[in-house]
Amino acid sequence: MRMRRKPNLTSRTERCAHLLVENPKELRGHWLAEHNAQSDISANELHVELGCGKGQFTVETAKNEPGALLIALEKISNVLVIALERTEQAELQNVRYLNKLADYLDTYFADNEVDRIYINFCDPWPANRHKKRRLTGEIFLNLYKKVLRPGGEIHFKTDNLPLFEFSLIEFERCGFAVSQVTRNLHEYGSVGVMTDYEKKFHDQGVPINRCVAGTEHK
């Protein structure tokens, strides 16, 4: 079932056009340099969020980390416009958005350019025949290894335990060092910035799984 187009989507997106990067290939390898040349606050790290949804996590994370430039990807325009408007309202300088798929991440970012990748509550693609589509599967992990710098990290959260267990195996199999593993992140109180989905799941008593997967230092 296709999502119905939001009213005034084009005009709402155009009002936030300065936050949306139409051709990320032009900035490949130069994200931080371009940002620092135009911003009042310099960034020394490049972070990427895959599937930012309505931008709750994006906005709050950017507020907490002014020294990082956060590039958030979201393929659904109806959802992305809300993230754009939230960022505009917060007057943040260190966030940019791509209305793009993660499949071509290495065309948006150069080798060793990214310090951190956030993957929050991605589609679990539960059928075994669809496992190649999982954002924590081998195909995507090899893509992340290209753009992550040595010592870079993937921060992963999901409510789906089978996906989490699959991901732990895939991370290690693809050469990532896994740490900070928890299967009930908020057991003793809320931890860190929550996404919109995460807040809903937490309120319903659904355990949140989280881990960090790191690349090797050279």
N, C-alpha and C. Protein backbone atom coordinates (compact mmCIF):
# COMPACT_ATOMS: atom_id res chain seq x y z
N MET A 1 0.84 -1.20 0.00
CA MET A 1 0.00 0.00 0.00
C MET A 1 0.87 1.24 0.00
N ARG A 2 0.66 2.12 -0.94
CA ARG A 2 1.48 3.32 -1.05
C ARG A 2 0.98 4.40 -0.09
N MET A 3 1.94 5.14 0.48
CA MET A 3 1.59 6.22 1.39
C MET A 3 1.03 7.39 0.62
N ARG A 4 -0.08 7.94 1.10
CA ARG A 4 -0.69 9.08 0.43
C ARG A 4 0.19 10.31 0.55
N ARG A 5 0.34 11.03 -0.53
CA ARG A 5 1.19 12.22 -0.56
C ARG A 5 0.65 13.29 0.39
N LYS A 6 1.53 13.86 1.21
CA LYS A 6 1.11 14.88 2.16
C LYS A 6 0.70 16.16 1.44
N PRO A 7 -0.30 16.88 1.98
CA PRO A 7 -0.70 18.16 1.39
C PRO A 7 0.47 19.15 1.38
N ASN A 8 0.59 19.89 0.32
CA ASN A 8 1.62 20.94 0.22
C ASN A 8 3.04 20.41 0.41
N LEU A 9 3.27 19.15 0.03
CA LEU A 9 4.58 18.56 0.25
C LEU A 9 5.68 19.34 -0.46
N THR A 10 5.45 19.73 -1.71
CA THR A 10 6.48 20.44 -2.47
C THR A 10 6.81 21.78 -1.84
N SER A 11 5.81 22.55 -1.49
CA SER A 11 6.05 23.88 -0.92
C SER A 11 6.70 23.78 0.46
N ARG A 12 6.29 22.79 1.24
CA ARG A 12 6.89 22.59 2.56
C ARG A 12 8.35 22.19 2.45
N THR A 13 8.66 21.34 1.49
CA THR A 13 10.05 20.92 1.28
C THR A 13 10.89 22.08 0.78
N GLU A 14 10.34 22.88 -0.11
CA GLU A 14 11.08 24.02 -0.67
C GLU A 14 11.45 25.03 0.40
N ARG A 15 10.61 25.18 1.42
CA ARG A 15 10.91 26.13 2.50
C ARG A 15 12.14 25.70 3.30
N CYS A 16 12.47 24.41 3.24
CA CYS A 16 13.62 23.88 3.97
C CYS A 16 14.71 23.40 3.01
N ALA A 17 14.70 23.93 1.80
CA ALA A 17 15.57 23.42 0.74
C ALA A 17 17.05 23.51 1.09
N HIS A 18 17.42 24.49 1.92
CA HIS A 18 18.84 24.65 2.27
C HIS A 18 19.36 23.49 3.11
N LEU A 19 18.47 22.68 3.68
CA LEU A 19 18.87 21.53 4.49
C LEU A 19 18.97 20.25 3.66
N LEU A 20 18.49 20.30 2.44
CA LEU A 20 18.41 19.11 1.59
C LEU A 20 19.49 19.16 0.51
N VAL A 21 20.33 18.14 0.46
CA VAL A 21 21.40 18.06 -0.53
C VAL A 21 20.91 17.23 -1.70
N GLU A 22 20.76 17.87 -2.84
CA GLU A 22 20.21 17.18 -4.01
C GLU A 22 21.24 16.30 -4.71
N ASN A 23 22.48 16.74 -4.73
CA ASN A 23 23.52 15.97 -5.43
C ASN A 23 24.72 15.73 -4.50
N PRO A 24 24.62 14.73 -3.63
CA PRO A 24 25.70 14.48 -2.66
C PRO A 24 27.02 14.07 -3.31
N LYS A 25 26.98 13.59 -4.54
CA LYS A 25 28.22 13.19 -5.21
C LYS A 25 29.19 14.36 -5.34
N GLU A 26 28.65 15.58 -5.43
CA GLU A 26 29.50 16.76 -5.56
C GLU A 26 30.27 17.05 -4.28
N LEU A 27 29.77 16.56 -3.14
CA LEU A 27 30.42 16.80 -1.85
C LEU A 27 31.25 15.61 -1.38
N ARG A 28 31.24 14.55 -2.16
CA ARG A 28 31.96 13.34 -1.78
C ARG A 28 33.43 13.66 -1.50
N GLY A 29 33.87 13.34 -0.29
CA GLY A 29 35.24 13.61 0.12
C GLY A 29 35.48 14.99 0.68
N HIS A 30 34.44 15.85 0.67
CA HIS A 30 34.62 17.25 1.08
C HIS A 30 33.52 17.74 2.03
N TRP A 31 32.78 16.82 2.63
CA TRP A 31 31.65 17.22 3.46
C TRP A 31 32.06 18.16 4.60
N LEU A 32 33.07 17.78 5.34
CA LEU A 32 33.47 18.60 6.49
C LEU A 32 34.07 19.93 6.04
N ALA A 33 34.87 19.91 5.01
CA ALA A 33 35.49 21.13 4.53
C ALA A 33 34.43 22.14 4.07
N GLU A 34 33.43 21.67 3.33
CA GLU A 34 32.37 22.55 2.85
C GLU A 34 31.54 23.08 4.01
N HIS A 35 31.23 22.21 4.96
CA HIS A 35 30.45 22.64 6.13
C HIS A 35 31.20 23.69 6.93
N ASN A 36 32.48 23.44 7.21
CA ASN A 36 33.26 24.35 8.04
C ASN A 36 33.48 25.70 7.37
N ALA A 37 33.48 25.72 6.05
CA ALA A 37 33.64 26.98 5.33
C ALA A 37 32.39 27.85 5.41
N GLN A 38 31.24 27.23 5.70
CA GLN A 38 29.97 27.96 5.68
C GLN A 38 29.32 28.13 7.05
N SER A 39 29.80 27.37 8.04
CA SER A 39 29.14 27.34 9.35
C SER A 39 29.89 28.17 10.38
N ASP A 40 29.16 28.64 11.39
CA ASP A 40 29.77 29.37 12.50
C ASP A 40 30.48 28.42 13.46
N ILE A 41 30.06 27.15 13.48
CA ILE A 41 30.64 26.14 14.37
C ILE A 41 31.28 25.05 13.53
N SER A 42 32.58 24.85 13.67
CA SER A 42 33.28 23.85 12.89
C SER A 42 32.97 22.45 13.38
N ALA A 43 32.89 21.52 12.46
CA ALA A 43 32.68 20.10 12.79
C ALA A 43 33.98 19.35 12.52
N ASN A 44 34.29 18.40 13.40
CA ASN A 44 35.50 17.58 13.20
C ASN A 44 35.18 16.11 13.00
N GLU A 45 33.89 15.77 12.96
CA GLU A 45 33.49 14.40 12.67
C GLU A 45 32.28 14.41 11.74
N LEU A 46 32.20 13.36 10.93
CA LEU A 46 31.08 13.20 10.00
C LEU A 46 30.28 11.97 10.41
N HIS A 47 29.02 12.18 10.75
CA HIS A 47 28.13 11.10 11.15
C HIS A 47 27.02 10.95 10.12
N VAL A 48 26.57 9.71 9.92
CA VAL A 48 25.53 9.42 8.93
C VAL A 48 24.43 8.61 9.60
N GLU A 49 23.18 9.00 9.37
CA GLU A 49 22.04 8.25 9.89
C GLU A 49 21.27 7.66 8.71
N LEU A 50 21.02 6.36 8.77
CA LEU A 50 20.31 5.68 7.70
C LEU A 50 18.85 5.48 8.08
N GLY A 51 17.94 6.12 7.34
CA GLY A 51 16.52 6.00 7.64
C GLY A 51 16.13 6.82 8.84
N CYS A 52 16.18 8.14 8.71
CA CYS A 52 15.97 9.03 9.86
C CYS A 52 14.51 9.21 10.24
N GLY A 53 13.58 8.77 9.38
CA GLY A 53 12.17 8.94 9.70
C GLY A 53 11.80 10.41 9.87
N LYS A 54 11.07 10.71 10.94
CA LYS A 54 10.58 12.08 11.17
C LYS A 54 11.61 12.98 11.85
N GLY A 55 12.80 12.45 12.11
CA GLY A 55 13.90 13.30 12.54
C GLY A 55 14.02 13.60 14.01
N GLN A 56 13.26 12.92 14.86
CA GLN A 56 13.37 13.16 16.30
C GLN A 56 14.79 12.86 16.80
N PHE A 57 15.30 11.68 16.45
CA PHE A 57 16.65 11.30 16.85
C PHE A 57 17.68 12.22 16.20
N THR A 58 17.47 12.55 14.96
CA THR A 58 18.40 13.41 14.21
C THR A 58 18.58 14.75 14.89
N VAL A 59 17.49 15.40 15.18
CA VAL A 59 17.53 16.75 15.75
C VAL A 59 18.16 16.74 17.14
N GLU A 60 17.73 15.82 17.99
CA GLU A 60 18.25 15.80 19.35
C GLU A 60 19.72 15.40 19.38
N THR A 61 20.12 14.48 18.51
CA THR A 61 21.52 14.07 18.45
C THR A 61 22.39 15.23 17.96
N ALA A 62 21.93 15.95 16.96
CA ALA A 62 22.69 17.10 16.45
C ALA A 62 22.83 18.19 17.51
N LYS A 63 21.81 18.39 18.31
CA LYS A 63 21.90 19.36 19.42
C LYS A 63 22.98 18.95 20.41
N ASN A 64 23.04 17.65 20.70
CA ASN A 64 23.97 17.14 21.70
C ASN A 64 25.41 17.05 21.19
N GLU A 65 25.58 17.05 19.85
CA GLU A 65 26.91 16.88 19.26
C GLU A 65 27.19 17.99 18.24
N PRO A 66 27.34 19.22 18.71
CA PRO A 66 27.57 20.34 17.77
C PRO A 66 28.88 20.24 17.00
N GLY A 67 29.81 19.42 17.48
CA GLY A 67 31.08 19.24 16.78
C GLY A 67 31.06 18.18 15.71
N ALA A 68 29.87 17.64 15.42
CA ALA A 68 29.74 16.64 14.36
C ALA A 68 28.74 17.13 13.32
N LEU A 69 29.04 16.86 12.07
CA LEU A 69 28.10 17.12 10.98
C LEU A 69 27.31 15.83 10.76
N LEU A 70 26.00 15.91 10.85
CA LEU A 70 25.13 14.73 10.74
C LEU A 70 24.39 14.76 9.41
N ILE A 71 24.64 13.75 8.59
CA ILE A 71 23.95 13.61 7.30
C ILE A 71 22.92 12.49 7.45
N ALA A 72 21.64 12.83 7.31
CA ALA A 72 20.57 11.87 7.53
C ALA A 72 19.90 11.49 6.22
N LEU A 73 19.79 10.19 5.97
CA LEU A 73 19.14 9.69 4.76
C LEU A 73 17.72 9.25 5.08
N GLU A 74 16.79 9.58 4.20
CA GLU A 74 15.41 9.10 4.31
C GLU A 74 14.82 9.06 2.91
N LYS A 75 14.33 7.87 2.52
CA LYS A 75 13.86 7.70 1.15
C LYS A 75 12.41 8.13 0.96
N ILE A 76 11.63 8.25 2.04
CA ILE A 76 10.20 8.57 1.92
C ILE A 76 10.00 10.07 2.11
N SER A 77 9.61 10.74 1.05
CA SER A 77 9.48 12.20 1.08
C SER A 77 8.45 12.68 2.08
N ASN A 78 7.35 11.95 2.22
CA ASN A 78 6.30 12.31 3.16
C ASN A 78 6.80 12.38 4.60
N VAL A 79 7.74 11.51 4.92
CA VAL A 79 8.31 11.47 6.26
C VAL A 79 9.45 12.48 6.38
N LEU A 80 10.25 12.57 5.36
CA LEU A 80 11.41 13.46 5.37
C LEU A 80 11.03 14.91 5.61
N VAL A 81 9.91 15.35 5.06
CA VAL A 81 9.52 16.76 5.21
C VAL A 81 9.34 17.13 6.68
N ILE A 82 8.88 16.19 7.49
CA ILE A 82 8.71 16.47 8.92
C ILE A 82 10.07 16.64 9.59
N ALA A 83 11.04 15.80 9.20
CA ALA A 83 12.40 15.94 9.73
C ALA A 83 13.01 17.28 9.32
N LEU A 84 12.78 17.69 8.09
CA LEU A 84 13.28 18.98 7.62
C LEU A 84 12.69 20.12 8.44
N GLU A 85 11.39 20.06 8.68
CA GLU A 85 10.74 21.14 9.43
C GLU A 85 11.17 21.16 10.89
N ARG A 86 11.39 20.01 11.47
CA ARG A 86 11.89 19.96 12.85
C ARG A 86 13.28 20.59 12.95
N THR A 87 14.12 20.29 11.97
CA THR A 87 15.48 20.83 11.96
C THR A 87 15.47 22.34 11.74
N GLU A 88 14.62 22.79 10.85
CA GLU A 88 14.48 24.22 10.59
C GLU A 88 14.02 24.96 11.85
N GLN A 89 13.05 24.38 12.54
CA GLN A 89 12.54 25.00 13.76
C GLN A 89 13.61 25.07 14.85
N ALA A 90 14.46 24.05 14.90
CA ALA A 90 15.52 24.01 15.91
C ALA A 90 16.72 24.89 15.55
N GLU A 91 16.73 25.42 14.32
CA GLU A 91 17.79 26.33 13.83
C GLU A 91 19.17 25.66 13.93
N LEU A 92 19.24 24.41 13.53
CA LEU A 92 20.50 23.68 13.58
C LEU A 92 21.31 23.89 12.30
N GLN A 93 22.61 24.08 12.47
CA GLN A 93 23.50 24.26 11.32
C GLN A 93 24.21 22.97 10.93
N ASN A 94 24.22 21.98 11.82
CA ASN A 94 25.07 20.80 11.61
C ASN A 94 24.28 19.57 11.15
N VAL A 95 23.18 19.77 10.44
CA VAL A 95 22.39 18.67 9.89
C VAL A 95 22.10 18.93 8.41
N ARG A 96 22.26 17.90 7.60
CA ARG A 96 21.83 17.95 6.21
C ARG A 96 21.12 16.63 5.89
N TYR A 97 20.23 16.68 4.91
CA TYR A 97 19.41 15.51 4.58
C TYR A 97 19.61 15.08 3.13
N LEU A 98 19.50 13.77 2.92
CA LEU A 98 19.52 13.20 1.59
C LEU A 98 18.24 12.40 1.40
N ASN A 99 17.49 12.69 0.35
CA ASN A 99 16.31 11.92 0.00
C ASN A 99 16.77 10.77 -0.91
N LYS A 100 17.59 9.88 -0.31
CA LYS A 100 18.30 8.87 -1.08
C LYS A 100 18.25 7.51 -0.38
N LEU A 101 18.64 6.47 -1.12
CA LEU A 101 18.76 5.12 -0.60
C LEU A 101 20.16 4.88 -0.06
N ALA A 102 20.27 4.00 0.93
CA ALA A 102 21.57 3.64 1.49
C ALA A 102 22.38 2.76 0.54
N ASP A 103 21.73 2.20 -0.47
CA ASP A 103 22.40 1.27 -1.39
C ASP A 103 23.61 1.87 -2.10
N TYR A 104 23.63 3.18 -2.23
CA TYR A 104 24.69 3.84 -2.99
C TYR A 104 25.55 4.74 -2.10
N LEU A 105 25.70 4.33 -0.86
CA LEU A 105 26.38 5.16 0.13
C LEU A 105 27.79 5.55 -0.30
N ASP A 106 28.47 4.64 -0.99
CA ASP A 106 29.85 4.93 -1.39
C ASP A 106 29.95 5.93 -2.54
N THR A 107 28.81 6.30 -3.13
CA THR A 107 28.83 7.37 -4.12
C THR A 107 28.55 8.73 -3.48
N TYR A 108 28.09 8.73 -2.24
CA TYR A 108 27.84 9.97 -1.50
C TYR A 108 29.03 10.35 -0.63
N PHE A 109 29.77 9.32 -0.16
CA PHE A 109 30.88 9.55 0.77
C PHE A 109 32.13 8.80 0.27
N ALA A 110 33.27 9.43 0.47
CA ALA A 110 34.54 8.84 0.02
C ALA A 110 34.99 7.75 0.99
N ASP A 111 35.95 6.97 0.56
CA ASP A 111 36.53 5.96 1.44
C ASP A 111 37.10 6.62 2.69
N ASN A 112 36.83 6.04 3.86
CA ASN A 112 37.37 6.51 5.14
C ASN A 112 36.91 7.92 5.52
N GLU A 113 35.78 8.36 4.99
CA GLU A 113 35.33 9.74 5.26
C GLU A 113 34.40 9.83 6.47
N VAL A 114 33.70 8.76 6.81
CA VAL A 114 32.65 8.79 7.83
C VAL A 114 33.18 8.25 9.16
N ASP A 115 32.83 8.95 10.24
CA ASP A 115 33.25 8.52 11.57
C ASP A 115 32.25 7.59 12.25
N ARG A 116 30.96 7.81 11.97
CA ARG A 116 29.94 7.02 12.66
C ARG A 116 28.71 6.87 11.77
N ILE A 117 28.09 5.68 11.86
CA ILE A 117 26.84 5.42 11.15
C ILE A 117 25.79 4.99 12.18
N TYR A 118 24.64 5.64 12.14
CA TYR A 118 23.51 5.26 13.00
C TYR A 118 22.51 4.45 12.17
N ILE A 119 22.11 3.30 12.69
CA ILE A 119 21.04 2.50 12.08
C ILE A 119 20.01 2.24 13.18
N ASN A 120 18.88 2.91 13.09
CA ASN A 120 17.85 2.81 14.13
C ASN A 120 16.56 2.22 13.56
N PHE A 121 16.16 1.05 14.08
CA PHE A 121 14.86 0.47 13.79
C PHE A 121 14.59 0.33 12.29
N CYS A 122 15.56 -0.26 11.62
CA CYS A 122 15.42 -0.49 10.18
C CYS A 122 14.44 -1.63 9.92
N ASP A 123 13.98 -1.73 8.69
CA ASP A 123 13.08 -2.80 8.28
C ASP A 123 13.78 -4.14 8.51
N PRO A 124 13.18 -5.07 9.27
CA PRO A 124 13.87 -6.33 9.57
C PRO A 124 13.89 -7.32 8.41
N TRP A 125 13.06 -7.11 7.39
CA TRP A 125 12.99 -8.05 6.28
C TRP A 125 13.07 -9.49 6.79
N PRO A 126 12.03 -9.96 7.50
CA PRO A 126 12.12 -11.24 8.21
C PRO A 126 12.25 -12.48 7.33
N ALA A 127 11.73 -12.45 6.13
CA ALA A 127 11.83 -13.63 5.26
C ALA A 127 13.28 -13.88 4.87
N ASN A 128 13.71 -15.11 4.93
CA ASN A 128 15.10 -15.45 4.63
C ASN A 128 15.50 -15.04 3.21
N ARG A 129 14.53 -15.09 2.27
CA ARG A 129 14.84 -14.73 0.89
C ARG A 129 15.12 -13.24 0.73
N HIS A 130 14.79 -12.45 1.76
CA HIS A 130 14.99 -11.00 1.70
C HIS A 130 16.18 -10.53 2.53
N LYS A 131 16.98 -11.45 3.07
CA LYS A 131 18.02 -11.04 4.00
C LYS A 131 19.07 -10.13 3.36
N LYS A 132 19.19 -10.19 2.03
CA LYS A 132 20.14 -9.30 1.35
C LYS A 132 19.73 -7.84 1.46
N ARG A 133 18.46 -7.61 1.77
CA ARG A 133 17.98 -6.23 1.90
C ARG A 133 18.19 -5.63 3.28
N ARG A 134 18.55 -6.46 4.25
CA ARG A 134 18.73 -5.98 5.62
C ARG A 134 19.93 -5.05 5.69
N LEU A 135 19.74 -3.90 6.35
CA LEU A 135 20.80 -2.90 6.44
C LEU A 135 21.98 -3.37 7.29
N THR A 136 21.81 -4.48 8.00
CA THR A 136 22.91 -5.02 8.79
C THR A 136 23.41 -6.35 8.21
N GLY A 137 23.09 -6.60 6.94
CA GLY A 137 23.56 -7.79 6.26
C GLY A 137 24.91 -7.55 5.59
N GLU A 138 25.52 -8.60 5.10
CA GLU A 138 26.87 -8.55 4.56
C GLU A 138 27.05 -7.53 3.44
N ILE A 139 26.10 -7.45 2.53
CA ILE A 139 26.24 -6.52 1.40
C ILE A 139 26.39 -5.09 1.90
N PHE A 140 25.53 -4.69 2.83
CA PHE A 140 25.60 -3.33 3.35
C PHE A 140 26.81 -3.13 4.26
N LEU A 141 27.14 -4.13 5.05
CA LEU A 141 28.29 -3.99 5.95
C LEU A 141 29.58 -3.77 5.18
N ASN A 142 29.74 -4.44 4.07
CA ASN A 142 30.93 -4.21 3.25
C ASN A 142 30.94 -2.80 2.66
N LEU A 143 29.76 -2.27 2.40
CA LEU A 143 29.64 -0.89 1.93
C LEU A 143 30.04 0.09 3.03
N TYR A 144 29.58 -0.17 4.26
CA TYR A 144 29.93 0.70 5.38
C TYR A 144 31.43 0.68 5.65
N LYS A 145 32.05 -0.49 5.50
CA LYS A 145 33.49 -0.59 5.76
C LYS A 145 34.29 0.29 4.81
N LYS A 146 33.77 0.51 3.62
CA LYS A 146 34.45 1.38 2.66
C LYS A 146 34.45 2.83 3.13
N VAL A 147 33.30 3.32 3.58
CA VAL A 147 33.18 4.75 3.87
C VAL A 147 33.60 5.09 5.30
N LEU A 148 33.61 4.11 6.20
CA LEU A 148 34.02 4.37 7.57
C LEU A 148 35.54 4.49 7.67
N ARG A 149 35.98 5.41 8.48
CA ARG A 149 37.42 5.53 8.74
C ARG A 149 37.86 4.39 9.64
N PRO A 150 39.17 4.10 9.71
CA PRO A 150 39.66 3.13 10.69
C PRO A 150 39.28 3.58 12.10
N GLY A 151 38.68 2.70 12.85
CA GLY A 151 38.19 3.05 14.18
C GLY A 151 36.79 3.64 14.17
N GLY A 152 36.16 3.72 12.99
CA GLY A 152 34.79 4.21 12.91
C GLY A 152 33.80 3.22 13.47
N GLU A 153 32.57 3.67 13.71
CA GLU A 153 31.60 2.84 14.41
C GLU A 153 30.23 2.85 13.74
N ILE A 154 29.52 1.74 13.93
CA ILE A 154 28.10 1.64 13.61
C ILE A 154 27.35 1.53 14.93
N HIS A 155 26.38 2.42 15.16
CA HIS A 155 25.53 2.35 16.34
C HIS A 155 24.18 1.82 15.89
N PHE A 156 23.80 0.66 16.39
CA PHE A 156 22.62 -0.05 15.90
C PHE A 156 21.61 -0.27 17.01
N LYS A 157 20.33 0.07 16.73
CA LYS A 157 19.24 -0.20 17.66
C LYS A 157 18.06 -0.81 16.92
N THR A 158 17.38 -1.75 17.58
CA THR A 158 16.20 -2.37 17.00
C THR A 158 15.34 -2.97 18.10
N ASP A 159 14.05 -3.04 17.84
CA ASP A 159 13.14 -3.75 18.74
C ASP A 159 13.00 -5.21 18.33
N ASN A 160 13.54 -5.58 17.18
CA ASN A 160 13.35 -6.91 16.60
C ASN A 160 14.50 -7.82 17.03
N LEU A 161 14.23 -8.73 17.96
CA LEU A 161 15.29 -9.59 18.50
C LEU A 161 15.90 -10.52 17.45
N PRO A 162 15.11 -11.18 16.59
CA PRO A 162 15.74 -12.01 15.55
C PRO A 162 16.69 -11.22 14.65
N LEU A 163 16.31 -9.99 14.29
CA LEU A 163 17.20 -9.16 13.48
C LEU A 163 18.46 -8.82 14.26
N PHE A 164 18.32 -8.56 15.54
CA PHE A 164 19.47 -8.20 16.36
C PHE A 164 20.46 -9.36 16.43
N GLU A 165 19.94 -10.57 16.68
CA GLU A 165 20.82 -11.73 16.77
C GLU A 165 21.50 -11.99 15.42
N PHE A 166 20.76 -11.85 14.35
CA PHE A 166 21.34 -11.98 13.01
C PHE A 166 22.45 -10.95 12.81
N SER A 167 22.20 -9.72 13.24
CA SER A 167 23.15 -8.63 13.03
C SER A 167 24.44 -8.84 13.81
N LEU A 168 24.33 -9.34 15.04
CA LEU A 168 25.53 -9.60 15.83
C LEU A 168 26.45 -10.59 15.12
N ILE A 169 25.85 -11.61 14.56
CA ILE A 169 26.63 -12.61 13.81
C ILE A 169 27.26 -11.99 12.57
N GLU A 170 26.48 -11.20 11.83
CA GLU A 170 26.97 -10.58 10.61
C GLU A 170 28.08 -9.58 10.89
N PHE A 171 27.94 -8.78 11.93
CA PHE A 171 28.99 -7.82 12.28
C PHE A 171 30.33 -8.53 12.47
N GLU A 172 30.31 -9.55 13.28
CA GLU A 172 31.57 -10.27 13.57
C GLU A 172 32.09 -11.00 12.34
N ARG A 173 31.19 -11.59 11.58
CA ARG A 173 31.60 -12.32 10.38
C ARG A 173 32.24 -11.40 9.35
N CYS A 174 31.82 -10.13 9.34
CA CYS A 174 32.35 -9.16 8.37
C CYS A 174 33.51 -8.35 8.93
N GLY A 175 34.02 -8.74 10.10
CA GLY A 175 35.24 -8.12 10.61
C GLY A 175 35.06 -6.95 11.52
N PHE A 176 33.84 -6.73 12.02
CA PHE A 176 33.61 -5.65 12.98
C PHE A 176 33.79 -6.17 14.41
N ALA A 177 34.28 -5.32 15.28
CA ALA A 177 34.39 -5.64 16.70
C ALA A 177 33.13 -5.14 17.40
N VAL A 178 32.39 -6.05 18.00
CA VAL A 178 31.10 -5.72 18.61
C VAL A 178 31.26 -5.43 20.10
N SER A 179 30.64 -4.35 20.56
CA SER A 179 30.69 -3.98 21.98
C SER A 179 29.37 -3.35 22.40
N GLN A 180 29.25 -3.06 23.68
CA GLN A 180 28.08 -2.40 24.25
C GLN A 180 26.77 -3.12 23.88
N VAL A 181 26.81 -4.43 23.93
CA VAL A 181 25.65 -5.23 23.56
C VAL A 181 24.64 -5.27 24.71
N THR A 182 23.40 -4.88 24.42
CA THR A 182 22.33 -5.00 25.41
C THR A 182 21.04 -5.39 24.70
N ARG A 183 20.27 -6.21 25.35
CA ARG A 183 18.97 -6.62 24.81
C ARG A 183 17.81 -5.96 25.55
N ASN A 184 18.14 -5.01 26.41
CA ASN A 184 17.10 -4.24 27.10
C ASN A 184 17.69 -2.89 27.52
N LEU A 185 17.88 -2.05 26.56
CA LEU A 185 18.62 -0.80 26.74
C LEU A 185 18.05 0.07 27.86
N HIS A 186 16.75 0.18 27.93
CA HIS A 186 16.12 1.11 28.88
C HIS A 186 15.56 0.41 30.12
N GLU A 187 16.14 -0.75 30.46
CA GLU A 187 15.63 -1.55 31.57
C GLU A 187 15.60 -0.77 32.88
N TYR A 188 16.60 0.06 33.12
CA TYR A 188 16.69 0.79 34.38
C TYR A 188 16.50 2.29 34.19
N GLY A 189 15.79 2.67 33.15
CA GLY A 189 15.56 4.07 32.84
C GLY A 189 16.04 4.39 31.44
N SER A 190 15.48 5.44 30.84
CA SER A 190 15.79 5.78 29.46
C SER A 190 17.26 6.13 29.30
N VAL A 191 17.83 5.68 28.19
CA VAL A 191 19.26 5.88 27.90
C VAL A 191 19.39 6.54 26.54
N GLY A 192 20.07 7.68 26.49
CA GLY A 192 20.35 8.33 25.21
C GLY A 192 19.13 8.92 24.54
N VAL A 193 19.31 9.31 23.29
CA VAL A 193 18.25 9.93 22.50
C VAL A 193 17.39 8.83 21.87
N MET A 194 16.08 8.96 22.00
CA MET A 194 15.16 7.99 21.41
C MET A 194 14.60 8.50 20.09
N THR A 195 14.31 7.56 19.19
CA THR A 195 13.57 7.89 17.98
C THR A 195 12.08 7.93 18.32
N ASP A 196 11.27 8.39 17.37
CA ASP A 196 9.82 8.38 17.58
C ASP A 196 9.32 6.96 17.82
N TYR A 197 9.78 6.01 17.00
CA TYR A 197 9.38 4.62 17.16
C TYR A 197 9.84 4.06 18.50
N GLU A 198 11.05 4.39 18.86
CA GLU A 198 11.63 3.87 20.10
C GLU A 198 10.82 4.30 21.32
N LYS A 199 10.42 5.56 21.33
CA LYS A 199 9.61 6.08 22.45
C LYS A 199 8.30 5.30 22.54
N LYS A 200 7.67 5.04 21.39
CA LYS A 200 6.42 4.30 21.38
C LYS A 200 6.63 2.88 21.89
N PHE A 201 7.68 2.21 21.40
CA PHE A 201 7.96 0.85 21.84
C PHE A 201 8.26 0.81 23.34
N HIS A 202 9.06 1.76 23.80
CA HIS A 202 9.44 1.81 25.22
C HIS A 202 8.21 1.99 26.10
N ASP A 203 7.31 2.86 25.69
CA ASP A 203 6.08 3.09 26.45
C ASP A 203 5.21 1.83 26.51
N GLN A 204 5.34 0.98 25.49
CA GLN A 204 4.59 -0.27 25.46
C GLN A 204 5.30 -1.41 26.18
N GLY A 205 6.48 -1.14 26.71
CA GLY A 205 7.25 -2.16 27.42
C GLY A 205 8.04 -3.09 26.53
N VAL A 206 8.25 -2.71 25.27
CA VAL A 206 9.01 -3.54 24.34
C VAL A 206 10.51 -3.32 24.59
N PRO A 207 11.30 -4.36 24.85
CA PRO A 207 12.74 -4.19 25.05
C PRO A 207 13.44 -3.69 23.78
N ILE A 208 14.41 -2.82 23.97
CA ILE A 208 15.19 -2.27 22.86
C ILE A 208 16.58 -2.89 22.88
N ASN A 209 17.00 -3.42 21.74
CA ASN A 209 18.32 -4.01 21.60
C ASN A 209 19.29 -2.98 21.00
N ARG A 210 20.51 -2.99 21.52
CA ARG A 210 21.50 -2.03 20.99
C ARG A 210 22.90 -2.63 21.04
N CYS A 211 23.73 -2.24 20.08
CA CYS A 211 25.14 -2.58 20.11
C CYS A 211 25.93 -1.56 19.29
N VAL A 212 27.24 -1.60 19.44
CA VAL A 212 28.16 -0.80 18.64
C VAL A 212 29.09 -1.76 17.92
N ALA A 213 29.27 -1.54 16.62
CA ALA A 213 30.18 -2.35 15.82
C ALA A 213 31.27 -1.45 15.27
N GLY A 214 32.51 -1.76 15.59
CA GLY A 214 33.62 -0.88 15.23
C GLY A 214 34.54 -1.49 14.19
N THR A 215 35.13 -0.63 13.36
CA THR A 215 36.14 -1.08 12.42
C THR A 215 37.50 -1.08 13.10
N GLU A 216 38.44 -1.78 12.52
CA GLU A 216 39.77 -1.90 13.13
C GLU A 216 40.56 -0.61 12.94
N HIS A 217 41.35 -0.26 13.97
CA HIS A 217 42.30 0.84 13.84
C HIS A 217 43.50 0.36 13.01
N LYS A 218 44.04 1.29 12.21
CA LYS A 218 45.22 0.94 11.43
C LYS A 218 46.45 1.66 11.96
